């Protein structure tokens, strides 16, 4: 691999299979990966999207949302949901207050706008590729214009991006930390009709399985890496289960026959350190 420091791609010649750099240099390619990333979404108060009634409303079920609301409320965080920000109050060139749509004013020493990112799609648009807040792709994030591929890092959250086949997004997963709590999410939960909990919300160690009928669509795992890694692999194919099995912790997930085959194909999973609260005693690899 050759690293061209300071070089910037300004155009893609799809006919000649070349990329054009800012200094006029043309580089040929056989396969091209578009890894253009994104940039912070600018804060524009007027016309902002309607406020959500709960935290994580777009990506998690009510049970997981309530859990995380309690996590933040316990140390004294004041959560305000269902309220739209109307504008910012500024004095001396800095934000000093947030004004809500109800005309209530909230004084602020600092404002953190966690409103996501915008995918850098300009290069793709100039190359006459279809763009729609990202780039619609087929299975495995491959464009319909071989031999080009779009990086998942530049796509919206999988649970908000239905352009790929369901089998593709069943493989997609993300994780993040809030306080000492690690949340892993896999699959596409949109359209689920029930949520089955396994574990203890009070102990801050549980899994939330999202089902449509008896089909598992997605899983959220809080401080349960071992359970998550096993079920994440199983989501590659449609998984039919009896929901009572997931809820009963007296029955180990590794003993459920649709999941056992994923143990056989993962010989590295042998024993996990207690740090991961892993009841399956599997050797886990978070980078897998």
Protein backbone atom coordinates (compact mmCIF):
# COMPACT_ATOMS: atom_id res chain seq x y z
CA UNK A 1 0.00 0.00 0.00
CA UNK A 2 1.29 3.45 -0.93
CA UNK A 3 0.31 6.48 1.15
CA UNK A 4 0.08 9.78 -0.74
CA UNK A 5 0.23 12.38 2.01
CA UNK A 6 -1.46 15.69 1.22
CA UNK A 7 -3.10 14.35 -1.94
CA UNK A 8 -6.79 15.06 -2.45
CA UNK A 9 -9.07 13.26 -4.90
CA UNK A 10 -11.15 15.80 -6.84
CA UNK A 11 -12.82 13.59 -9.45
CA UNK A 12 -13.55 10.01 -10.47
CA UNK A 13 -13.32 9.01 -14.14
CA UNK A 14 -15.59 5.95 -14.16
CA UNK A 15 -15.06 5.29 -17.87
CA UNK A 16 -11.26 5.19 -17.72
CA UNK A 17 -11.17 3.75 -14.18
CA UNK A 18 -9.06 6.61 -12.86
CA UNK A 19 -9.15 9.04 -9.95
CA UNK A 20 -7.91 12.58 -10.47
CA UNK A 21 -5.90 14.30 -7.75
CA UNK A 22 -5.84 18.01 -6.98
CA UNK A 23 -2.41 18.39 -8.60
CA UNK A 24 -3.72 16.89 -11.84
CA UNK A 25 -2.21 13.43 -11.32
CA UNK A 26 -4.37 10.54 -12.54
CA UNK A 27 -4.25 7.16 -10.80
CA UNK A 28 -5.78 4.07 -12.34
CA UNK A 29 -7.77 1.51 -10.34
CA UNK A 30 -9.24 -1.96 -10.72
CA UNK A 31 -11.46 -1.66 -7.67
CA UNK A 32 -12.27 1.55 -5.85
CA UNK A 33 -13.44 1.96 -2.26
CA UNK A 34 -15.13 5.26 -1.44
CA UNK A 35 -14.07 5.98 2.15
CA UNK A 36 -14.90 9.67 2.27
CA UNK A 37 -16.27 9.77 5.83
CA UNK A 38 -18.42 12.64 6.99
CA UNK A 39 -18.48 16.00 8.74
CA UNK A 40 -20.42 17.40 11.71
CA UNK A 41 -23.99 18.33 10.89
CA UNK A 42 -24.41 22.12 11.26
CA UNK A 43 -26.72 23.32 14.00
CA UNK A 44 -29.73 24.94 12.35
CA UNK A 45 -32.60 25.51 14.76
CA UNK A 46 -35.28 26.66 12.35
CA UNK A 47 -37.04 23.68 10.80
CA UNK A 48 -35.31 21.09 12.98
CA UNK A 49 -36.72 17.57 13.02
CA UNK A 50 -39.51 16.95 15.55
CA UNK A 51 -38.22 16.01 18.97
CA UNK A 52 -38.40 12.37 19.97
CA UNK A 53 -40.52 11.26 22.94
CA UNK A 54 -37.68 9.23 24.48
CA UNK A 55 -33.93 8.76 24.24
CA UNK A 56 -32.65 6.37 21.53
CA UNK A 57 -36.16 6.39 20.04
CA UNK A 58 -34.92 5.88 16.48
CA UNK A 59 -32.76 2.85 17.19
CA UNK A 60 -33.98 1.07 20.32
CA UNK A 61 -37.20 -0.15 21.87
CA UNK A 62 -38.99 1.51 24.81
CA UNK A 63 -37.44 -0.87 27.36
CA UNK A 64 -33.88 0.04 26.39
CA UNK A 65 -34.79 3.73 26.17
CA UNK A 66 -36.24 3.67 29.69
CA UNK A 67 -33.15 1.90 30.98
CA UNK A 68 -30.84 4.58 29.59
CA UNK A 69 -33.06 7.39 30.80
CA UNK A 70 -32.77 5.92 34.31
CA UNK A 71 -29.00 5.61 33.89
CA UNK A 72 -28.75 9.35 33.25
CA UNK A 73 -31.33 10.38 35.81
CA UNK A 74 -29.59 8.52 38.65
CA UNK A 75 -26.55 10.88 38.79
CA UNK A 76 -28.81 13.94 38.49
CA UNK A 77 -28.98 14.60 34.73
CA UNK A 78 -32.15 16.44 33.73
CA UNK A 79 -33.57 14.89 30.55
CA UNK A 80 -36.02 16.88 28.45
CA UNK A 81 -37.67 14.90 25.64
CA UNK A 82 -40.44 15.75 23.21
CA UNK A 83 -39.37 19.41 23.05
CA UNK A 84 -38.05 21.22 19.99
CA UNK A 85 -35.22 23.74 20.22
CA UNK A 86 -36.49 26.99 18.70
CA UNK A 87 -33.28 29.05 18.77
CA UNK A 88 -30.12 29.86 20.67
CA UNK A 89 -29.70 32.92 22.83
CA UNK A 90 -26.36 34.64 22.21
CA UNK A 91 -24.49 37.39 24.01
CA UNK A 92 -21.04 38.67 23.22
CA UNK A 93 -20.55 36.17 20.42
CA UNK A 94 -21.27 33.07 22.53
CA UNK A 95 -24.31 30.93 23.29
CA UNK A 96 -25.72 31.67 26.75
CA UNK A 97 -29.15 30.04 26.53
CA UNK A 98 -31.31 27.56 24.66
CA UNK A 99 -34.86 28.63 23.89
CA UNK A 100 -37.42 25.89 23.48
CA UNK A 101 -40.52 25.97 21.30
CA UNK A 102 -42.54 26.50 24.49
CA UNK A 103 -40.67 29.82 24.96
CA UNK A 104 -38.95 28.44 28.04
CA UNK A 105 -35.36 29.64 28.36
CA UNK A 106 -32.60 27.35 29.62
CA UNK A 107 -29.38 29.08 30.63
CA UNK A 108 -26.24 27.39 29.29
CA UNK A 109 -22.51 27.69 29.89
CA UNK A 110 -21.82 25.34 26.99
CA UNK A 111 -23.93 23.64 24.32
CA UNK A 112 -23.04 20.24 22.85
CA UNK A 113 -25.06 19.60 19.69
CA UNK A 114 -25.16 15.80 19.26
CA UNK A 115 -27.04 15.85 15.98
CA UNK A 116 -24.98 13.41 13.95
CA UNK A 117 -23.01 13.87 10.77
CA UNK A 118 -23.41 14.46 7.06
CA UNK A 119 -21.83 11.95 4.70
CA UNK A 120 -19.28 13.43 2.30
CA UNK A 121 -21.08 12.52 -0.90
CA UNK A 122 -19.82 15.35 -3.13
CA UNK A 123 -17.21 13.21 -4.89
CA UNK A 124 -19.79 10.51 -5.60
CA UNK A 125 -22.38 13.05 -6.79
CA UNK A 126 -19.88 14.61 -9.19
CA UNK A 127 -19.20 11.13 -10.56
CA UNK A 128 -22.93 10.84 -11.41
CA UNK A 129 -23.62 8.22 -8.74
CA UNK A 130 -27.02 8.10 -7.06
CA UNK A 131 -26.96 9.90 -3.73
CA UNK A 132 -29.64 10.31 -1.08
CA UNK A 133 -28.03 11.36 2.18
CA UNK A 134 -25.59 8.54 1.42
CA UNK A 135 -25.26 6.18 -1.54
CA UNK A 136 -27.82 3.41 -2.16
CA UNK A 137 -25.98 0.11 -2.35
CA UNK A 138 -26.65 -3.55 -2.96
CA UNK A 139 -25.57 -6.43 -0.75
CA UNK A 140 -22.20 -6.11 1.04
CA UNK A 141 -22.26 -2.33 0.42
CA UNK A 142 -21.23 -2.79 -3.22
CA UNK A 143 -22.52 -0.20 -5.68
CA UNK A 144 -24.45 -1.25 -8.74
CA UNK A 145 -21.52 0.10 -10.76
CA UNK A 146 -18.81 -2.55 -10.42
CA UNK A 147 -16.01 -2.24 -9.40
CA UNK A 148 -16.86 0.45 -6.83
CA UNK A 149 -17.65 0.01 -3.14
CA UNK A 150 -18.99 2.49 -0.58
CA UNK A 151 -17.49 2.45 2.91
CA UNK A 152 -19.97 1.66 5.70
CA UNK A 153 -18.32 4.38 7.75
CA UNK A 154 -19.89 6.97 5.44
CA UNK A 155 -23.41 5.53 5.62
CA UNK A 156 -26.19 6.44 8.07
CA UNK A 157 -26.83 4.14 11.03
CA UNK A 158 -27.80 0.67 9.72
CA UNK A 159 -31.16 0.88 11.46
CA UNK A 160 -31.95 3.98 9.42
CA UNK A 161 -30.61 2.76 6.05
CA UNK A 162 -32.93 0.22 4.35
CA UNK A 163 -31.22 0.42 0.94
CA UNK A 164 -29.35 -2.86 1.45
CA UNK A 165 -30.98 -6.26 1.58
CA UNK A 166 -32.03 -7.30 5.11
CA UNK A 167 -29.39 -10.04 5.12
CA UNK A 168 -26.71 -7.37 4.74
CA UNK A 169 -27.82 -5.23 7.64
CA UNK A 170 -28.31 -8.23 9.88
CA UNK A 171 -24.50 -8.38 9.80
CA UNK A 172 -24.12 -4.70 10.69
CA UNK A 173 -23.41 -3.80 14.31
CA UNK A 174 -22.26 -0.87 16.39
CA UNK A 175 -21.29 -0.25 20.00
CA UNK A 176 -20.85 2.70 22.32
CA UNK A 177 -20.21 3.50 25.98
CA UNK A 178 -22.28 5.61 28.35
CA UNK A 179 -20.74 5.86 31.81
CA UNK A 180 -19.44 2.34 32.61
CA UNK A 181 -22.12 0.71 30.47
CA UNK A 182 -21.33 -0.74 27.05
CA UNK A 183 -24.15 -1.18 24.57
CA UNK A 184 -23.80 -3.42 21.49
CA UNK A 185 -26.48 -3.30 18.79
CA UNK A 186 -26.92 -5.59 15.78
CA UNK A 187 -29.61 -6.07 13.18
CA UNK A 188 -32.55 -3.99 11.99
CA UNK A 189 -35.35 -3.67 14.55
CA UNK A 190 -37.80 -1.60 12.50
CA UNK A 191 -41.14 -3.37 12.36
CA UNK A 192 -40.66 -5.52 15.49
CA UNK A 193 -43.84 -6.43 17.35
CA UNK A 194 -42.36 -7.44 20.71
CA UNK A 195 -39.21 -7.16 22.76
CA UNK A 196 -37.95 -10.03 24.93
CA UNK A 197 -35.55 -9.22 27.76
CA UNK A 198 -32.91 -11.63 29.04
CA UNK A 199 -30.98 -10.70 32.14
CA UNK A 200 -31.41 -7.97 34.72
CA UNK A 201 -32.01 -4.27 34.08
CA UNK A 202 -31.30 -3.57 37.76
CA UNK A 203 -27.90 -5.28 37.47
CA UNK A 204 -27.24 -3.39 34.22
CA UNK A 205 -26.60 -6.64 32.38
CA UNK A 206 -29.18 -7.78 29.85
CA UNK A 207 -30.08 -8.40 26.23
CA UNK A 208 -33.13 -7.06 24.41
CA UNK A 209 -34.24 -9.28 21.52
CA UNK A 210 -36.51 -7.68 18.92
CA UNK A 211 -38.90 -10.16 17.31
CA UNK A 212 -41.44 -10.08 14.54
CA UNK A 213 -43.57 -13.12 15.21
CA UNK A 214 -40.94 -15.72 16.13
CA UNK A 215 -38.21 -14.25 13.91
CA UNK A 216 -35.32 -12.44 15.60
CA UNK A 217 -34.70 -9.14 13.83
CA UNK A 218 -32.15 -7.44 16.10
CA UNK A 219 -30.51 -7.52 19.49
CA UNK A 220 -29.31 -4.86 21.94
CA UNK A 221 -26.86 -6.13 24.55
CA UNK A 222 -25.93 -4.17 27.66
CA UNK A 223 -22.69 -5.40 29.26
CA UNK A 224 -23.18 -8.85 27.67
CA UNK A 225 -20.53 -9.19 25.02
CA UNK A 226 -20.55 -13.00 24.95
CA UNK A 227 -24.29 -13.25 24.34
CA UNK A 228 -24.09 -10.50 21.76
CA UNK A 229 -21.30 -12.06 19.69
CA UNK A 230 -23.11 -15.38 19.51
CA UNK A 231 -26.47 -13.93 18.48
CA UNK A 232 -24.88 -11.42 16.11
CA UNK A 233 -23.41 -14.25 14.07
CA UNK A 234 -26.73 -16.07 14.07
CA UNK A 235 -28.51 -13.00 12.64
CA UNK A 236 -26.71 -13.53 9.34
CA UNK A 237 -29.53 -15.94 8.48
CA UNK A 238 -33.23 -15.65 9.46
CA UNK A 239 -33.50 -17.00 13.00
CA UNK A 240 -36.77 -18.51 14.28
CA UNK A 241 -37.05 -18.91 18.06
CA UNK A 242 -39.42 -19.55 20.91
CA UNK A 243 -39.34 -16.24 22.78
CA UNK A 244 -39.66 -18.06 26.12
CA UNK A 245 -36.19 -19.53 25.55
CA UNK A 246 -34.54 -16.12 25.36
CA UNK A 247 -36.28 -14.95 28.52
CA UNK A 248 -35.25 -18.00 30.59
CA UNK A 249 -31.68 -17.60 31.86
CA UNK A 250 -31.74 -21.14 33.20
CA UNK A 251 -31.29 -22.19 29.58
CA UNK A 252 -27.91 -21.27 28.11
CA UNK A 253 -27.88 -19.65 24.70
CA UNK A 254 -25.13 -22.03 23.58
CA UNK A 255 -27.53 -24.95 24.13
CA UNK A 256 -30.12 -23.55 21.73
CA UNK A 257 -29.66 -25.63 18.58
CA UNK A 258 -29.94 -22.80 15.97
CA UNK A 259 -27.03 -21.10 17.78
CA UNK A 260 -24.85 -24.15 18.44
CA UNK A 261 -23.63 -24.28 14.85
CA UNK A 262 -22.11 -20.81 15.28
CA UNK A 263 -20.02 -22.16 18.14
CA UNK A 264 -18.70 -24.94 15.93
CA UNK A 265 -17.52 -22.54 13.25
CA UNK A 266 -15.85 -20.21 15.76
CA UNK A 267 -13.08 -22.30 17.38
CA UNK A 268 -11.49 -19.18 18.92
CA UNK A 269 -14.43 -18.87 21.32
CA UNK A 270 -13.17 -20.96 24.20
CA UNK A 271 -13.20 -18.96 27.41
CA UNK A 272 -13.75 -15.27 28.11
CA UNK A 273 -12.37 -13.22 30.99
CA UNK A 274 -14.88 -12.35 33.74
CA UNK A 275 -14.57 -8.69 32.72
CA UNK A 276 -17.12 -9.20 29.95
CA UNK A 277 -19.82 -10.78 32.15
CA UNK A 278 -19.95 -13.67 29.71
CA UNK A 279 -22.15 -16.57 30.89
CA UNK A 280 -21.26 -18.60 27.81
CA UNK A 281 -17.56 -18.85 28.74
CA UNK A 282 -16.60 -17.99 25.17
CA UNK A 283 -13.36 -16.44 24.01
CA UNK A 284 -14.49 -13.15 22.54
CA UNK A 285 -12.82 -10.83 20.08
CA UNK A 286 -14.44 -7.37 19.99
CA UNK A 287 -12.63 -6.52 16.76
CA UNK A 288 -13.99 -9.52 14.87
